Protein backbone atom coordinates (compact mmCIF):
# COMPACT_ATOMS: atom_id res chain seq x y z
CA UNK A 1 0.00 0.00 0.00
CA UNK A 2 1.15 3.53 -0.77
CA UNK A 3 0.46 6.56 1.40
CA UNK A 4 1.18 10.22 0.84
CA UNK A 5 1.62 12.19 4.06
CA UNK A 6 1.05 15.92 3.57
CA UNK A 7 2.29 17.67 6.69
CA UNK A 8 4.54 20.68 7.25
CA UNK A 9 5.64 19.73 10.78
CA UNK A 10 8.86 17.81 10.09
CA UNK A 11 8.99 15.89 13.37
CA UNK A 12 5.42 14.63 13.01
CA UNK A 13 6.06 13.76 9.36
CA UNK A 14 9.13 11.72 10.30
CA UNK A 15 7.33 9.84 13.10
CA UNK A 16 4.36 9.05 10.84
CA UNK A 17 6.65 7.99 7.99
CA UNK A 18 8.57 5.59 10.23
CA UNK A 19 5.39 4.11 11.73
CA UNK A 20 3.75 3.58 8.34
CA UNK A 21 6.95 2.02 6.96
CA UNK A 22 6.96 -0.39 9.92
CA UNK A 23 3.44 -1.34 8.76
CA UNK A 24 4.89 -2.08 5.28
CA UNK A 25 3.51 1.03 3.56
CA UNK A 26 5.44 2.76 0.80
CA UNK A 27 5.57 6.34 2.04
CA UNK A 28 6.07 9.67 0.29
CA UNK A 29 5.78 13.03 1.97
CA UNK A 30 4.90 16.57 0.91
CA UNK A 31 5.33 19.73 2.95
CA UNK A 32 3.00 22.10 1.09
CA UNK A 33 -0.19 22.06 -0.93
CA UNK A 34 1.40 22.45 -4.36
CA UNK A 35 3.84 19.63 -3.71
CA UNK A 36 0.94 17.49 -2.44
CA UNK A 37 -0.89 17.81 -5.75
CA UNK A 38 2.10 17.05 -7.95
CA UNK A 39 3.18 14.18 -5.68
CA UNK A 40 -0.31 12.65 -5.78
CA UNK A 41 -0.23 12.67 -9.58
CA UNK A 42 3.26 11.10 -9.75
CA UNK A 43 3.10 8.65 -6.84
CA UNK A 44 -0.58 7.63 -7.19
CA UNK A 45 -1.01 6.76 -3.49
CA UNK A 46 -3.72 4.44 -2.21
CA UNK A 47 -4.55 7.05 0.45
CA UNK A 48 -3.59 10.62 1.39
CA UNK A 49 -3.13 11.86 4.95
CA UNK A 50 -3.66 15.62 4.64
CA UNK A 51 -3.04 18.53 7.00
CA UNK A 52 -5.19 21.65 6.53
CA UNK A 53 -2.80 24.46 7.41
CA UNK A 54 -0.10 24.23 4.75
CA UNK A 55 2.14 26.67 2.88
CA UNK A 56 1.32 27.58 -0.76
CA UNK A 57 -2.14 25.90 -0.84
CA UNK A 58 -4.37 24.94 2.05
CA UNK A 59 -5.41 21.35 2.65
CA UNK A 60 -8.98 22.32 1.76
CA UNK A 61 -7.78 23.63 -1.64
CA UNK A 62 -5.78 20.44 -2.19
CA UNK A 63 -8.79 18.30 -1.28
CA UNK A 64 -11.04 20.26 -3.69
CA UNK A 65 -8.56 19.80 -6.52
CA UNK A 66 -8.07 16.08 -5.83
CA UNK A 67 -11.82 15.45 -5.75
CA UNK A 68 -12.38 17.39 -8.99
CA UNK A 69 -9.72 15.40 -10.89
CA UNK A 70 -11.20 12.35 -12.61
CA UNK A 71 -8.01 10.31 -12.15
CA UNK A 72 -7.49 11.21 -8.49
CA UNK A 73 -10.99 11.57 -7.01
CA UNK A 74 -11.24 7.93 -5.90
CA UNK A 75 -8.15 8.20 -3.68
CA UNK A 76 -9.39 8.39 -0.08
CA UNK A 77 -8.19 11.41 1.87
CA UNK A 78 -8.04 11.58 5.64
CA UNK A 79 -7.65 15.06 7.05
CA UNK A 80 -5.36 15.29 10.05
CA UNK A 81 -5.38 18.75 11.59
CA UNK A 82 -5.21 20.74 14.80
CA UNK A 83 -8.31 22.61 13.62
CA UNK A 84 -11.05 20.82 15.52
CA UNK A 85 -13.94 23.27 15.16
CA UNK A 86 -17.19 21.72 13.95
CA UNK A 87 -17.38 23.94 10.87
CA UNK A 88 -13.87 22.85 9.77
CA UNK A 89 -14.75 19.18 10.25
CA UNK A 90 -18.04 19.60 8.34
CA UNK A 91 -16.25 21.46 5.55
CA UNK A 92 -13.60 18.74 5.20
CA UNK A 93 -16.17 15.97 5.06
CA UNK A 94 -18.39 17.95 2.66
CA UNK A 95 -15.40 18.37 0.32
CA UNK A 96 -15.01 14.60 0.19
CA UNK A 97 -12.63 13.64 2.99
CA UNK A 98 -13.01 10.07 4.21
CA UNK A 99 -12.41 11.09 7.82
CA UNK A 100 -11.25 14.08 9.87
CA UNK A 101 -8.83 13.49 12.72
CA UNK A 102 -7.84 16.15 15.23
CA UNK A 103 -4.12 15.54 15.86
CA UNK A 104 -4.26 16.14 19.60
CA UNK A 105 -7.09 13.64 20.03
CA UNK A 106 -5.58 10.71 18.13
CA UNK A 107 -2.32 8.96 19.01
CA UNK A 108 -0.17 7.74 16.10
CA UNK A 109 -1.35 4.13 16.41
CA UNK A 110 -4.97 5.25 16.13
CA UNK A 111 -4.14 7.27 13.00
CA UNK A 112 -2.60 4.16 11.46
CA UNK A 113 -5.71 2.14 12.36
CA UNK A 114 -7.97 4.79 10.77
CA UNK A 115 -5.91 4.69 7.57
CA UNK A 116 -6.12 0.89 7.42
CA UNK A 117 -9.91 1.04 7.99
CA UNK A 118 -10.32 3.56 5.18
CA UNK A 119 -8.34 1.34 2.80
CA UNK A 120 -10.62 -1.66 3.27
CA UNK A 121 -13.87 0.31 2.81
CA UNK A 122 -15.56 -0.45 -0.48
CA UNK A 123 -15.54 2.47 -2.95
C-alpha atoms as a PDB file:
ATOM      1  CA  UNK A   1       0.000   0.000   0.000  1.00  0.00           C
ATOM      2  CA  UNK A   2       1.148   3.529  -0.775  1.00  0.00           C
ATOM      3  CA  UNK A   3       0.461   6.557   1.404  1.00  0.00           C
ATOM      4  CA  UNK A   4       1.183  10.219   0.841  1.00  0.00           C
ATOM      5  CA  UNK A   5       1.625  12.193   4.062  1.00  0.00           C
ATOM      6  CA  UNK A   6       1.051  15.915   3.571  1.00  0.00           C
ATOM      7  CA  UNK A   7       2.290  17.671   6.691  1.00  0.00           C
ATOM      8  CA  UNK A   8       4.538  20.685   7.250  1.00  0.00           C
ATOM      9  CA  UNK A   9       5.638  19.731  10.780  1.00  0.00           C
ATOM     10  CA  UNK A  10       8.858  17.811  10.095  1.00  0.00           C
ATOM     11  CA  UNK A  11       8.994  15.891  13.371  1.00  0.00           C
ATOM     12  CA  UNK A  12       5.415  14.634  13.007  1.00  0.00           C
ATOM     13  CA  UNK A  13       6.058  13.764   9.363  1.00  0.00           C
ATOM     14  CA  UNK A  14       9.126  11.716  10.304  1.00  0.00           C
ATOM     15  CA  UNK A  15       7.327   9.843  13.096  1.00  0.00           C
ATOM     16  CA  UNK A  16       4.358   9.053  10.840  1.00  0.00           C
ATOM     17  CA  UNK A  17       6.647   7.990   7.991  1.00  0.00           C
ATOM     18  CA  UNK A  18       8.571   5.586  10.231  1.00  0.00           C
ATOM     19  CA  UNK A  19       5.388   4.106  11.734  1.00  0.00           C
ATOM     20  CA  UNK A  20       3.755   3.576   8.344  1.00  0.00           C
ATOM     21  CA  UNK A  21       6.948   2.024   6.962  1.00  0.00           C
ATOM     22  CA  UNK A  22       6.956  -0.388   9.921  1.00  0.00           C
ATOM     23  CA  UNK A  23       3.441  -1.343   8.763  1.00  0.00           C
ATOM     24  CA  UNK A  24       4.888  -2.078   5.276  1.00  0.00           C
ATOM     25  CA  UNK A  25       3.506   1.031   3.564  1.00  0.00           C
ATOM     26  CA  UNK A  26       5.441   2.761   0.798  1.00  0.00           C
ATOM     27  CA  UNK A  27       5.566   6.341   2.042  1.00  0.00           C
ATOM     28  CA  UNK A  28       6.075   9.666   0.286  1.00  0.00           C
ATOM     29  CA  UNK A  29       5.778  13.034   1.969  1.00  0.00           C
ATOM     30  CA  UNK A  30       4.903  16.566   0.906  1.00  0.00           C
ATOM     31  CA  UNK A  31       5.331  19.732   2.953  1.00  0.00           C
ATOM     32  CA  UNK A  32       3.004  22.100   1.092  1.00  0.00           C
ATOM     33  CA  UNK A  33      -0.191  22.064  -0.931  1.00  0.00           C
ATOM     34  CA  UNK A  34       1.402  22.453  -4.357  1.00  0.00           C
ATOM     35  CA  UNK A  35       3.845  19.628  -3.705  1.00  0.00           C
ATOM     36  CA  UNK A  36       0.942  17.494  -2.442  1.00  0.00           C
ATOM     37  CA  UNK A  37      -0.894  17.810  -5.746  1.00  0.00           C
ATOM     38  CA  UNK A  38       2.102  17.050  -7.952  1.00  0.00           C
ATOM     39  CA  UNK A  39       3.181  14.178  -5.680  1.00  0.00           C
ATOM     40  CA  UNK A  40      -0.314  12.654  -5.785  1.00  0.00           C
ATOM     41  CA  UNK A  41      -0.231  12.668  -9.583  1.00  0.00           C
ATOM     42  CA  UNK A  42       3.256  11.103  -9.750  1.00  0.00           C
ATOM     43  CA  UNK A  43       3.104   8.648  -6.844  1.00  0.00           C
ATOM     44  CA  UNK A  44      -0.583   7.628  -7.190  1.00  0.00           C
ATOM     45  CA  UNK A  45      -1.009   6.760  -3.492  1.00  0.00           C
ATOM     46  CA  UNK A  46      -3.716   4.440  -2.207  1.00  0.00           C
ATOM     47  CA  UNK A  47      -4.547   7.051   0.446  1.00  0.00           C
ATOM     48  CA  UNK A  48      -3.587  10.619   1.393  1.00  0.00           C
ATOM     49  CA  UNK A  49      -3.133  11.865   4.953  1.00  0.00           C
ATOM     50  CA  UNK A  50      -3.664  15.624   4.637  1.00  0.00           C
ATOM     51  CA  UNK A  51      -3.038  18.530   6.998  1.00  0.00           C
ATOM     52  CA  UNK A  52      -5.194  21.654   6.526  1.00  0.00           C
ATOM     53  CA  UNK A  53      -2.797  24.462   7.408  1.00  0.00           C
ATOM     54  CA  UNK A  54      -0.101  24.230   4.748  1.00  0.00           C
ATOM     55  CA  UNK A  55       2.140  26.669   2.877  1.00  0.00           C
ATOM     56  CA  UNK A  56       1.316  27.577  -0.762  1.00  0.00           C
ATOM     57  CA  UNK A  57      -2.137  25.898  -0.839  1.00  0.00           C
ATOM     58  CA  UNK A  58      -4.371  24.936   2.051  1.00  0.00           C
ATOM     59  CA  UNK A  59      -5.406  21.354   2.649  1.00  0.00           C
ATOM     60  CA  UNK A  60      -8.977  22.323   1.757  1.00  0.00           C
ATOM     61  CA  UNK A  61      -7.776  23.631  -1.638  1.00  0.00           C
ATOM     62  CA  UNK A  62      -5.778  20.439  -2.188  1.00  0.00           C
ATOM     63  CA  UNK A  63      -8.789  18.303  -1.279  1.00  0.00           C
ATOM     64  CA  UNK A  64     -11.044  20.257  -3.688  1.00  0.00           C
ATOM     65  CA  UNK A  65      -8.561  19.800  -6.517  1.00  0.00           C
ATOM     66  CA  UNK A  66      -8.069  16.084  -5.831  1.00  0.00           C
ATOM     67  CA  UNK A  67     -11.815  15.454  -5.751  1.00  0.00           C
ATOM     68  CA  UNK A  68     -12.379  17.394  -8.990  1.00  0.00           C
ATOM     69  CA  UNK A  69      -9.717  15.398 -10.888  1.00  0.00           C
ATOM     70  CA  UNK A  70     -11.201  12.345 -12.615  1.00  0.00           C
ATOM     71  CA  UNK A  71      -8.006  10.306 -12.154  1.00  0.00           C
ATOM     72  CA  UNK A  72      -7.490  11.207  -8.486  1.00  0.00           C
ATOM     73  CA  UNK A  73     -10.988  11.573  -7.006  1.00  0.00           C
ATOM     74  CA  UNK A  74     -11.244   7.935  -5.900  1.00  0.00           C
ATOM     75  CA  UNK A  75      -8.147   8.201  -3.681  1.00  0.00           C
ATOM     76  CA  UNK A  76      -9.385   8.387  -0.081  1.00  0.00           C
ATOM     77  CA  UNK A  77      -8.193  11.410   1.867  1.00  0.00           C
ATOM     78  CA  UNK A  78      -8.043  11.578   5.641  1.00  0.00           C
ATOM     79  CA  UNK A  79      -7.651  15.056   7.052  1.00  0.00           C
ATOM     80  CA  UNK A  80      -5.358  15.292  10.048  1.00  0.00           C
ATOM     81  CA  UNK A  81      -5.381  18.755  11.586  1.00  0.00           C
ATOM     82  CA  UNK A  82      -5.212  20.740  14.797  1.00  0.00           C
ATOM     83  CA  UNK A  83      -8.307  22.612  13.615  1.00  0.00           C
ATOM     84  CA  UNK A  84     -11.053  20.817  15.517  1.00  0.00           C
ATOM     85  CA  UNK A  85     -13.943  23.271  15.162  1.00  0.00           C
ATOM     86  CA  UNK A  86     -17.187  21.720  13.951  1.00  0.00           C
ATOM     87  CA  UNK A  87     -17.376  23.940  10.866  1.00  0.00           C
ATOM     88  CA  UNK A  88     -13.872  22.855   9.771  1.00  0.00           C
ATOM     89  CA  UNK A  89     -14.748  19.180  10.246  1.00  0.00           C
ATOM     90  CA  UNK A  90     -18.038  19.601   8.342  1.00  0.00           C
ATOM     91  CA  UNK A  91     -16.254  21.456   5.550  1.00  0.00           C
ATOM     92  CA  UNK A  92     -13.601  18.744   5.197  1.00  0.00           C
ATOM     93  CA  UNK A  93     -16.172  15.966   5.063  1.00  0.00           C
ATOM     94  CA  UNK A  94     -18.386  17.947   2.662  1.00  0.00           C
ATOM     95  CA  UNK A  95     -15.404  18.370   0.322  1.00  0.00           C
ATOM     96  CA  UNK A  96     -15.009  14.598   0.187  1.00  0.00           C
ATOM     97  CA  UNK A  97     -12.631  13.637   2.989  1.00  0.00           C
ATOM     98  CA  UNK A  98     -13.013  10.069   4.212  1.00  0.00           C
ATOM     99  CA  UNK A  99     -12.406  11.094   7.823  1.00  0.00           C
ATOM    100  CA  UNK A 100     -11.249  14.085   9.866  1.00  0.00           C
ATOM    101  CA  UNK A 101      -8.830  13.490  12.724  1.00  0.00           C
ATOM    102  CA  UNK A 102      -7.843  16.148  15.234  1.00  0.00           C
ATOM    103  CA  UNK A 103      -4.123  15.539  15.856  1.00  0.00           C
ATOM    104  CA  UNK A 104      -4.262  16.142  19.601  1.00  0.00           C
ATOM    105  CA  UNK A 105      -7.094  13.636  20.030  1.00  0.00           C
ATOM    106  CA  UNK A 106      -5.581  10.715  18.128  1.00  0.00           C
ATOM    107  CA  UNK A 107      -2.320   8.957  19.012  1.00  0.00           C
ATOM    108  CA  UNK A 108      -0.168   7.739  16.101  1.00  0.00           C
ATOM    109  CA  UNK A 109      -1.352   4.128  16.411  1.00  0.00           C
ATOM    110  CA  UNK A 110      -4.967   5.252  16.134  1.00  0.00           C
ATOM    111  CA  UNK A 111      -4.145   7.272  13.003  1.00  0.00           C
ATOM    112  CA  UNK A 112      -2.598   4.158  11.462  1.00  0.00           C
ATOM    113  CA  UNK A 113      -5.707   2.141  12.355  1.00  0.00           C
ATOM    114  CA  UNK A 114      -7.974   4.788  10.767  1.00  0.00           C
ATOM    115  CA  UNK A 115      -5.907   4.694   7.574  1.00  0.00           C
ATOM    116  CA  UNK A 116      -6.118   0.889   7.421  1.00  0.00           C
ATOM    117  CA  UNK A 117      -9.909   1.039   7.993  1.00  0.00           C
ATOM    118  CA  UNK A 118     -10.318   3.556   5.175  1.00  0.00           C
ATOM    119  CA  UNK A 119      -8.340   1.342   2.798  1.00  0.00           C
ATOM    120  CA  UNK A 120     -10.624  -1.660   3.274  1.00  0.00           C
ATOM    121  CA  UNK A 121     -13.874   0.305   2.814  1.00  0.00           C
ATOM    122  CA  UNK A 122     -15.562  -0.451  -0.484  1.00  0.00           C
ATOM    123  CA  UNK A 123     -15.544   2.473  -2.947  1.00  0.00           C
END
